[in-house]
Every structure is written in C-alpha cells, then in structure tokens.
Amino acid sequence: MPNQLAATPEQLEHIGALAAELVSPRDHVGLGSGKAALAFVRMLGRRIGQEGLRVTGVASSLLTEQVAREHGVPIATLEQVEALELAVDGADEVDPRLNLTKGGGGNLTREKVISGIAKQLVIVVGQEKIVDHLGTNFPVFVEVIEFARPVVVRMLQALGADVTQRRNSDGSPFLTDNGNPYLHCRFGPEALTDPEKLELALRVMPGVVETGLFIGMANEVIVAKLDGGVERRRREN
C-alpha cells in the first residue's frame, strides 16, 4: 500500500466541512466510507447541530451508519429513499479523468449502489490519492460470492492479474458487510490504460458481485493538498 505522506485528520476535516457545505435542506445524502468520508459525516453532523439542518443520510457501511448516528445524522434505508441529491465518499485513487479505484475499506458494493443513485457524487481525498493512472498504488478490489470464488480467481489470473484474498489479522477470510469474500487484483499497467474496458470484463464474470473501478461516476473531487491548500476538480462532460 502507499507509503506517501497522507493528509492529516485536520486536513480531512477541512475538506469534509467543504463537502458538508454542499448539502441543502431536506437533501437525501449518501454517506461514504473511509477516513475522509467519515470526516464529512462528522462535519455534516456539526451543521445539523448548529444550524438545525434537516437532511437524511443513507450509509454505505455499518461503521458509517454508526458514526452518523453518533453525530446526529438521521439515517434511512434504500427502502425509504429512491434517489439521492448528493453522495460524498472517499477514494483510494483518482486519475486525471476523475475515474476512481475504491474499496480499500471493504465496502465497494454498497458504495457503488449509493453512488449510482446520486445526482452528484463528490469525492474527498488527500493529495496522496491523486495518480496518473489507476492501479499505481492500489489493486483493483473485487467482491465475489464464495461459491464462485475459485472460478473468478482463475478467470482473473487468465486476464493477467495477481490475485490474493483479503484476510483478517487472525488469518480468517475477510467478509464484507454483505457476507462475501474480497479479492485484491494487481494488473499490469497495460490492463489499466483502458479502465472502462477492464471494468466491463470483470463485471461479466459469473460470481462477481462488484468491482472497485468507479468509471465516470465522480462529478467533483475535493483534494487536501500536502501544502495545506485545497484543490477542487470537476469532471468535464
């Protein structure tokens, strides 16, 4: 994993607060996972407490839901909410076209569902997450069903990937909030020159639940720069 200097908690809180300012009264808001996204959740909770802002959140992980409740953010389920005005999430990598790799926290499927029903997806990251091409520092994460795992591994290897299964600290298989195993897939640089093509190839594999390639989904990225500044990047339509 990356060993670059990462954004500080204070920097993440700053960009989390900027993202929280994008939330309007009565919005339904997707709440992402990871350090930067949780900073946004806390800052949103602060706005709710200070301003009486009335919003509803839909959480992408059990941990996010817990943090939201602790900070006074009302939570709803997808049974209750059909669409989101805004979703705010983190990312493992962001390329120049604002394509993303996500899933380092193990929540990529729920994150993609939330992102997919949001009118606007805003990503909050430290500068260390900005890369020239996806796959620079992180593998492509793939969630699969256990029954199909050996088949999917062989198919991924046939595509040239080095595949390992995520495990917990005690050596047991890591399972997502959905109860599924998780694969780390390292591809050569040539495979990720066209991340959209790779995403399609992975999605058609029987047994794949979801992948950590988020292609063409982010509308804006708010970057905490290592010099203490903030950069905002928007995707060109």
C-alpha atoms as a PDB file:
ATOM      1  CA  MET A   1       0.000   0.000   0.000  1.00  0.00           C
ATOM      2  CA  PRO A   2       1.115   3.619  -0.441  1.00  0.00           C
ATOM      3  CA  ASN A   3       3.754   4.991   1.904  1.00  0.00           C
ATOM      4  CA  GLN A   4       3.441   8.619   0.817  1.00  0.00           C
ATOM      5  CA  LEU A   5       2.733  11.344   3.318  1.00  0.00           C
ATOM      6  CA  ALA A   6      -1.017  11.303   3.863  1.00  0.00           C
ATOM      7  CA  ALA A   7      -3.411  14.130   4.589  1.00  0.00           C
ATOM      8  CA  THR A   8      -3.739  14.889   8.299  1.00  0.00           C
ATOM      9  CA  PRO A   9      -7.004  14.429  10.203  1.00  0.00           C
ATOM     10  CA  GLU A  10      -7.285  18.229  10.345  1.00  0.00           C
ATOM     11  CA  GLN A  11      -6.974  18.479   6.556  1.00  0.00           C
ATOM     12  CA  LEU A  12      -9.593  15.780   6.096  1.00  0.00           C
ATOM     13  CA  GLU A  13     -11.923  17.627   8.443  1.00  0.00           C
ATOM     14  CA  HIS A  14     -11.412  20.786   6.394  1.00  0.00           C
ATOM     15  CA  ILE A  15     -12.373  19.177   3.086  1.00  0.00           C
ATOM     16  CA  GLY A  16     -15.144  17.287   4.872  1.00  0.00           C
ATOM     17  CA  ALA A  17     -16.546  20.620   6.004  1.00  0.00           C
ATOM     18  CA  LEU A  18     -16.334  21.989   2.445  1.00  0.00           C
ATOM     19  CA  ALA A  19     -18.290  18.976   1.195  1.00  0.00           C
ATOM     20  CA  ALA A  20     -20.832  19.392   4.004  1.00  0.00           C
ATOM     21  CA  GLU A  21     -21.493  22.935   2.774  1.00  0.00           C
ATOM     22  CA  LEU A  22     -22.802  21.414  -0.480  1.00  0.00           C
ATOM     23  CA  VAL A  23     -25.716  19.814   1.366  1.00  0.00           C
ATOM     24  CA  SER A  24     -29.018  21.688   1.105  1.00  0.00           C
ATOM     25  CA  PRO A  25     -32.034  21.490   3.437  1.00  0.00           C
ATOM     26  CA  ARG A  26     -34.124  18.335   3.000  1.00  0.00           C
ATOM     27  CA  ASP A  27     -31.467  16.651   0.860  1.00  0.00           C
ATOM     28  CA  HIS A  28     -31.118  12.883   0.849  1.00  0.00           C
ATOM     29  CA  VAL A  29     -27.365  12.348   1.150  1.00  0.00           C
ATOM     30  CA  GLY A  30     -25.216   9.289   0.508  1.00  0.00           C
ATOM     31  CA  LEU A  31     -22.643   8.812   3.247  1.00  0.00           C
ATOM     32  CA  GLY A  32     -19.445   7.123   2.093  1.00  0.00           C
ATOM     33  CA  SER A  33     -16.825   5.090   3.910  1.00  0.00           C
ATOM     34  CA  GLY A  34     -13.217   5.670   4.890  1.00  0.00           C
ATOM     35  CA  LYS A  35     -11.395   8.376   6.837  1.00  0.00           C
ATOM     36  CA  ALA A  36     -12.201  11.295   4.532  1.00  0.00           C
ATOM     37  CA  ALA A  37     -15.850  10.303   4.122  1.00  0.00           C
ATOM     38  CA  LEU A  38     -16.277   9.881   7.870  1.00  0.00           C
ATOM     39  CA  ALA A  39     -14.812  13.370   8.343  1.00  0.00           C
ATOM     40  CA  PHE A  40     -17.599  14.603   6.050  1.00  0.00           C
ATOM     41  CA  VAL A  41     -20.191  12.738   8.140  1.00  0.00           C
ATOM     42  CA  ARG A  42     -18.920  14.391  11.309  1.00  0.00           C
ATOM     43  CA  MET A  43     -18.940  17.832   9.680  1.00  0.00           C
ATOM     44  CA  LEU A  44     -22.463  17.242   8.383  1.00  0.00           C
ATOM     45  CA  GLY A  45     -23.491  16.334  11.906  1.00  0.00           C
ATOM     46  CA  ARG A  46     -21.983  19.596  13.120  1.00  0.00           C
ATOM     47  CA  ARG A  47     -24.085  21.560  10.598  1.00  0.00           C
ATOM     48  CA  ILE A  48     -27.180  19.697  11.740  1.00  0.00           C
ATOM     49  CA  GLY A  49     -26.417  20.549  15.366  1.00  0.00           C
ATOM     50  CA  GLN A  50     -25.511  24.189  14.788  1.00  0.00           C
ATOM     51  CA  GLU A  51     -27.985  25.135  12.054  1.00  0.00           C
ATOM     52  CA  GLY A  52     -30.862  22.734  12.559  1.00  0.00           C
ATOM     53  CA  LEU A  53     -30.271  21.476   9.004  1.00  0.00           C
ATOM     54  CA  ARG A  54     -32.863  18.858   8.088  1.00  0.00           C
ATOM     55  CA  VAL A  55     -31.371  16.112   5.929  1.00  0.00           C
ATOM     56  CA  THR A  56     -31.498  12.330   5.663  1.00  0.00           C
ATOM     57  CA  GLY A  57     -28.449  10.142   5.204  1.00  0.00           C
ATOM     58  CA  VAL A  58     -28.081   6.725   3.617  1.00  0.00           C
ATOM     59  CA  ALA A  59     -24.949   4.965   4.845  1.00  0.00           C
ATOM     60  CA  SER A  60     -22.652   2.816   2.710  1.00  0.00           C
ATOM     61  CA  SER A  61     -21.307   0.746   5.608  1.00  0.00           C
ATOM     62  CA  LEU A  62     -22.233  -0.344   9.094  1.00  0.00           C
ATOM     63  CA  LEU A  63     -19.402   1.781  10.511  1.00  0.00           C
ATOM     64  CA  THR A  64     -20.601   4.842   8.608  1.00  0.00           C
ATOM     65  CA  GLU A  65     -24.099   4.318   9.968  1.00  0.00           C
ATOM     66  CA  GLN A  66     -22.711   4.105  13.495  1.00  0.00           C
ATOM     67  CA  VAL A  67     -20.693   7.323  13.114  1.00  0.00           C
ATOM     68  CA  ALA A  68     -23.670   9.105  11.552  1.00  0.00           C
ATOM     69  CA  ARG A  69     -25.944   8.202  14.435  1.00  0.00           C
ATOM     70  CA  GLU A  70     -23.291   9.266  16.957  1.00  0.00           C
ATOM     71  CA  HIS A  71     -23.124  12.706  15.308  1.00  0.00           C
ATOM     72  CA  GLY A  72     -26.845  13.265  14.926  1.00  0.00           C
ATOM     73  CA  VAL A  73     -27.270  12.497  11.224  1.00  0.00           C
ATOM     74  CA  PRO A  74     -30.690  10.863  10.628  1.00  0.00           C
ATOM     75  CA  ILE A  75     -30.402   7.580   8.742  1.00  0.00           C
ATOM     76  CA  ALA A  76     -32.792   5.976   6.255  1.00  0.00           C
ATOM     77  CA  THR A  77     -32.654   2.795   4.192  1.00  0.00           C
ATOM     78  CA  LEU A  78     -32.977   2.272   0.452  1.00  0.00           C
ATOM     79  CA  GLU A  79     -36.498   1.002   1.123  1.00  0.00           C
ATOM     80  CA  GLN A  80     -37.317   4.557   2.179  1.00  0.00           C
ATOM     81  CA  VAL A  81     -35.184   6.552  -0.276  1.00  0.00           C
ATOM     82  CA  GLU A  82     -35.335   6.229  -4.065  1.00  0.00           C
ATOM     83  CA  ALA A  83     -32.702   8.781  -5.081  1.00  0.00           C
ATOM     84  CA  LEU A  84     -30.043  10.979  -3.526  1.00  0.00           C
ATOM     85  CA  GLU A  85     -29.360  14.621  -4.265  1.00  0.00           C
ATOM     86  CA  LEU A  86     -25.726  14.173  -3.269  1.00  0.00           C
ATOM     87  CA  ALA A  87     -23.288  11.466  -2.202  1.00  0.00           C
ATOM     88  CA  VAL A  88     -19.908  12.176  -0.626  1.00  0.00           C
ATOM     89  CA  ASP A  89     -17.264   9.476  -0.448  1.00  0.00           C
ATOM     90  CA  GLY A  90     -13.520   8.906  -0.394  1.00  0.00           C
ATOM     91  CA  ALA A  91     -11.337   7.039  -2.889  1.00  0.00           C
ATOM     92  CA  ASP A  92      -8.119   5.051  -2.978  1.00  0.00           C
ATOM     93  CA  GLU A  93      -7.003   6.574  -6.278  1.00  0.00           C
ATOM     94  CA  VAL A  94      -8.207   9.366  -8.576  1.00  0.00           C
ATOM     95  CA  ASP A  95      -6.907   9.659 -12.150  1.00  0.00           C
ATOM     96  CA  PRO A  96      -6.866  12.812 -14.343  1.00  0.00           C
ATOM     97  CA  ARG A  97     -10.320  11.989 -15.744  1.00  0.00           C
ATOM     98  CA  LEU A  98     -11.718  11.560 -12.208  1.00  0.00           C
ATOM     99  CA  ASN A  99     -12.030   7.813 -12.593  1.00  0.00           C
ATOM    100  CA  LEU A 100     -11.568   6.076  -9.254  1.00  0.00           C
ATOM    101  CA  THR A 101     -10.367   2.949  -7.571  1.00  0.00           C
ATOM    102  CA  LYS A 102     -12.265   2.345  -4.351  1.00  0.00           C
ATOM    103  CA  GLY A 103     -12.825  -0.450  -1.908  1.00  0.00           C
ATOM    104  CA  GLY A 104      -9.791  -0.367   0.370  1.00  0.00           C
ATOM    105  CA  GLY A 105     -12.150  -0.278   3.325  1.00  0.00           C
ATOM    106  CA  GLY A 106     -14.102  -3.292   2.090  1.00  0.00           C
ATOM    107  CA  ASN A 107     -17.375  -1.545   1.232  1.00  0.00           C
ATOM    108  CA  LEU A 108     -17.213  -1.117  -2.534  1.00  0.00           C
ATOM    109  CA  THR A 109     -20.576  -2.696  -3.420  1.00  0.00           C
ATOM    110  CA  ARG A 110     -22.625  -0.546  -1.079  1.00  0.00           C
ATOM    111  CA  GLU A 111     -20.557   2.476  -2.070  1.00  0.00           C
ATOM    112  CA  LYS A 112     -21.290   1.867  -5.755  1.00  0.00           C
ATOM    113  CA  VAL A 113     -25.003   1.431  -5.105  1.00  0.00           C
ATOM    114  CA  ILE A 114     -25.066   4.737  -3.225  1.00  0.00           C
ATOM    115  CA  SER A 115     -23.019   6.488  -5.918  1.00  0.00           C
ATOM    116  CA  GLY A 116     -25.201   5.060  -8.669  1.00  0.00           C
ATOM    117  CA  ILE A 117     -28.416   6.651  -7.385  1.00  0.00           C
ATOM    118  CA  ALA A 118     -26.868  10.036  -6.530  1.00  0.00           C
ATOM    119  CA  LYS A 119     -27.413  13.044  -8.790  1.00  0.00           C
ATOM    120  CA  GLN A 120     -23.981  14.333  -7.756  1.00  0.00           C
ATOM    121  CA  LEU A 121     -21.003  12.327  -6.466  1.00  0.00           C
ATOM    122  CA  VAL A 122     -18.354  14.357  -4.644  1.00  0.00           C
ATOM    123  CA  ILE A 123     -15.095  12.673  -3.662  1.00  0.00           C
ATOM    124  CA  VAL A 124     -12.941  13.916  -0.773  1.00  0.00           C
ATOM    125  CA  VAL A 125      -9.286  12.790  -0.745  1.00  0.00           C
ATOM    126  CA  GLY A 126      -5.797  13.749   0.295  1.00  0.00           C
ATOM    127  CA  GLN A 127      -3.317  14.630  -2.437  1.00  0.00           C
ATOM    128  CA  GLU A 128      -1.578  11.276  -1.997  1.00  0.00           C
ATOM    129  CA  LYS A 129      -4.614   9.656  -3.659  1.00  0.00           C
ATOM    130  CA  ILE A 130      -4.091  11.548  -6.947  1.00  0.00           C
ATOM    131  CA  VAL A 131      -2.386   9.342  -9.563  1.00  0.00           C
ATOM    132  CA  ASP A 132      -1.540   9.442 -13.258  1.00  0.00           C
ATOM    133  CA  HIS A 133      -3.291   6.117 -13.850  1.00  0.00           C
ATOM    134  CA  LEU A 134      -5.377   3.730 -11.781  1.00  0.00           C
ATOM    135  CA  GLY A 135      -3.558   0.786 -10.253  1.00  0.00           C
ATOM    136  CA  THR A 136      -0.497   2.850  -9.337  1.00  0.00           C
ATOM    137  CA  ASN A 137      -0.682   2.246  -5.597  1.00  0.00           C
ATOM    138  CA  PHE A 138      -3.717   0.049  -5.026  1.00  0.00           C
ATOM    139  CA  PRO A 139      -5.024  -3.196  -6.507  1.00  0.00           C
ATOM    140  CA  VAL A 140      -8.443  -3.468  -8.086  1.00  0.00           C
ATOM    141  CA  PHE A 141     -10.731  -4.803  -5.377  1.00  0.00           C
ATOM    142  CA  VAL A 142     -13.393  -7.333  -6.367  1.00  0.00           C
ATOM    143  CA  GLU A 143     -16.231  -8.650  -4.207  1.00  0.00           C
ATOM    144  CA  VAL A 144     -17.389 -12.171  -5.108  1.00  0.00           C
ATOM    145  CA  ILE A 145     -19.717 -14.848  -3.804  1.00  0.00           C
ATOM    146  CA  GLU A 146     -17.906 -17.680  -2.037  1.00  0.00           C
ATOM    147  CA  PHE A 147     -19.291 -20.426  -4.270  1.00  0.00           C
ATOM    148  CA  ALA A 148     -17.780 -18.773  -7.347  1.00  0.00           C
ATOM    149  CA  ARG A 149     -14.528 -17.566  -5.779  1.00  0.00           C
ATOM    150  CA  PRO A 150     -12.220 -20.282  -7.250  1.00  0.00           C
ATOM    151  CA  VAL A 151     -13.726 -19.765 -10.705  1.00  0.00           C
ATOM    152  CA  VAL A 152     -13.382 -15.991 -10.527  1.00  0.00           C
ATOM    153  CA  VAL A 153      -9.784 -16.273  -9.331  1.00  0.00           C
ATOM    154  CA  ARG A 154      -8.882 -18.433 -12.321  1.00  0.00           C
ATOM    155  CA  MET A 155     -10.600 -16.040 -14.721  1.00  0.00           C
ATOM    156  CA  LEU A 156      -8.803 -13.062 -13.199  1.00  0.00           C
ATOM    157  CA  GLN A 157      -5.483 -14.860 -13.461  1.00  0.00           C
ATOM    158  CA  ALA A 158      -6.227 -15.572 -17.117  1.00  0.00           C
ATOM    159  CA  LEU A 159      -6.504 -11.797 -17.577  1.00  0.00           C
ATOM    160  CA  GLY A 160      -3.013 -11.438 -16.125  1.00  0.00           C
ATOM    161  CA  ALA A 161      -3.927 -10.436 -12.586  1.00  0.00           C
ATOM    162  CA  ASP A 162      -2.002 -11.420  -9.465  1.00  0.00           C
ATOM    163  CA  VAL A 163      -4.889 -12.340  -7.149  1.00  0.00           C
ATOM    164  CA  THR A 164      -4.944 -12.644  -3.367  1.00  0.00           C
ATOM    165  CA  GLN A 165      -7.872 -12.945  -0.991  1.00  0.00           C
ATOM    166  CA  ARG A 166      -8.187 -10.382   1.797  1.00  0.00           C
ATOM    167  CA  ARG A 167      -7.837 -11.847   5.252  1.00  0.00           C
ATOM    168  CA  ASN A 168      -8.343 -10.605   8.773  1.00  0.00           C
ATOM    169  CA  SER A 169      -5.465 -10.190  11.202  1.00  0.00           C
ATOM    170  CA  ASP A 170      -6.129 -13.671  12.613  1.00  0.00           C
ATOM    171  CA  GLY A 171      -5.832 -15.228   9.151  1.00  0.00           C
ATOM    172  CA  SER A 172      -9.521 -15.853   8.634  1.00  0.00           C
ATOM    173  CA  PRO A 173     -11.136 -14.707   5.377  1.00  0.00           C
ATOM    174  CA  PHE A 174     -12.323 -11.103   5.426  1.00  0.00           C
ATOM    175  CA  LEU A 175     -16.035 -10.821   4.675  1.00  0.00           C
ATOM    176  CA  THR A 176     -17.821  -7.670   3.560  1.00  0.00           C
ATOM    177  CA  ASP A 177     -20.891  -6.239   5.256  1.00  0.00           C
ATOM    178  CA  ASN A 178     -22.759  -8.333   2.663  1.00  0.00           C
ATOM    179  CA  GLY A 179     -21.066 -11.524   3.896  1.00  0.00           C
ATOM    180  CA  ASN A 180     -18.915 -12.005   0.795  1.00  0.00           C
ATOM    181  CA  PRO A 181     -15.177 -12.623   0.299  1.00  0.00           C
ATOM    182  CA  TYR A 182     -12.923  -9.946  -1.168  1.00  0.00           C
ATOM    183  CA  LEU A 183     -10.163 -10.234  -3.744  1.00  0.00           C
ATOM    184  CA  HIS A 184      -7.154  -7.980  -4.370  1.00  0.00           C
ATOM    185  CA  CYS A 185      -6.221  -7.981  -8.065  1.00  0.00           C
ATOM    186  CA  ARG A 186      -2.989  -6.447  -9.269  1.00  0.00           C
ATOM    187  CA  PHE A 187      -2.924  -5.920 -13.014  1.00  0.00           C
ATOM    188  CA  GLY A 188      -0.045  -4.794 -15.184  1.00  0.00           C
ATOM    189  CA  PRO A 189      -0.065  -1.144 -16.364  1.00  0.00           C
ATOM    190  CA  GLU A 190      -1.351  -2.088 -19.812  1.00  0.00           C
ATOM    191  CA  ALA A 191      -4.584  -3.530 -18.382  1.00  0.00           C
ATOM    192  CA  LEU A 192      -5.474  -0.214 -16.760  1.00  0.00           C
ATOM    193  CA  THR A 193      -4.747   2.010 -19.741  1.00  0.00           C
ATOM    194  CA  ASP A 194      -8.443   1.475 -20.510  1.00  0.00           C
ATOM    195  CA  PRO A 195     -10.126   1.110 -17.092  1.00  0.00           C
ATOM    196  CA  GLU A 196     -13.608   1.150 -18.604  1.00  0.00           C
ATOM    197  CA  LYS A 197     -12.785  -1.890 -20.747  1.00  0.00           C
ATOM    198  CA  LEU A 198     -11.354  -3.705 -17.723  1.00  0.00           C
ATOM    199  CA  GLU A 199     -14.409  -2.873 -15.645  1.00  0.00           C
ATOM    200  CA  LEU A 200     -16.683  -4.395 -18.273  1.00  0.00           C
ATOM    201  CA  ALA A 201     -14.521  -7.515 -18.489  1.00  0.00           C
ATOM    202  CA  LEU A 202     -14.711  -8.014 -14.736  1.00  0.00           C
ATOM    203  CA  ARG A 203     -18.418  -7.328 -14.426  1.00  0.00           C
ATOM    204  CA  VAL A 204     -19.387 -10.091 -16.866  1.00  0.00           C
ATOM    205  CA  MET A 205     -17.582 -12.791 -14.867  1.00  0.00           C
ATOM    206  CA  PRO A 206     -20.165 -15.073 -13.215  1.00  0.00           C
ATOM    207  CA  GLY A 207     -19.887 -14.744  -9.455  1.00  0.00           C
ATOM    208  CA  VAL A 208     -18.508 -11.211  -9.374  1.00  0.00           C
ATOM    209  CA  VAL A 209     -20.717  -9.054  -7.172  1.00  0.00           C
ATOM    210  CA  GLU A 210     -18.992  -5.723  -7.846  1.00  0.00           C
ATOM    211  CA  THR A 211     -15.625  -4.152  -8.617  1.00  0.00           C
ATOM    212  CA  GLY A 212     -13.719  -1.223  -7.166  1.00  0.00           C
ATOM    213  CA  LEU A 213     -13.434   0.582 -10.502  1.00  0.00           C
ATOM    214  CA  PHE A 214     -15.712   3.636 -10.440  1.00  0.00           C
ATOM    215  CA  ILE A 215     -15.594   4.920 -14.011  1.00  0.00           C
ATOM    216  CA  GLY A 216     -17.183   8.231 -14.991  1.00  0.00           C
ATOM    217  CA  MET A 217     -19.136   8.494 -11.748  1.00  0.00           C
ATOM    218  CA  ALA A 218     -17.463  11.352  -9.837  1.00  0.00           C
ATOM    219  CA  ASN A 219     -18.651  14.880 -10.591  1.00  0.00           C
ATOM    220  CA  GLU A 220     -16.199  16.684  -8.334  1.00  0.00           C
ATOM    221  CA  VAL A 221     -13.095  15.852  -6.311  1.00  0.00           C
ATOM    222  CA  ILE A 222     -12.050  17.983  -3.351  1.00  0.00           C
ATOM    223  CA  VAL A 223      -8.334  17.468  -2.685  1.00  0.00           C
ATOM    224  CA  ALA A 224      -6.491  18.267   0.555  1.00  0.00           C
ATOM    225  CA  LYS A 225      -3.068  19.249  -0.761  1.00  0.00           C
ATOM    226  CA  LEU A 226       0.102  18.424   1.122  1.00  0.00           C
ATOM    227  CA  ASP A 227       0.997  22.130   1.342  1.00  0.00           C
ATOM    228  CA  GLY A 228      -2.201  22.769   3.310  1.00  0.00           C
ATOM    229  CA  GLY A 229      -4.236  24.146   0.409  1.00  0.00           C
ATOM    230  CA  VAL A 230      -7.345  22.746  -1.241  1.00  0.00           C
ATOM    231  CA  GLU A 231      -7.911  21.968  -4.911  1.00  0.00           C
ATOM    232  CA  ARG A 232     -11.285  21.311  -6.477  1.00  0.00           C
ATOM    233  CA  ARG A 233     -11.508  19.348  -9.726  1.00  0.00           C
ATOM    234  CA  ARG A 234     -14.684  18.856 -11.757  1.00  0.00           C
ATOM    235  CA  ARG A 235     -15.301  16.268 -14.432  1.00  0.00           C
ATOM    236  CA  GLU A 236     -15.776  17.595 -17.918  1.00  0.00           C
ATOM    237  CA  ASN A 237     -18.956  16.289 -19.505  1.00  0.00           C
END
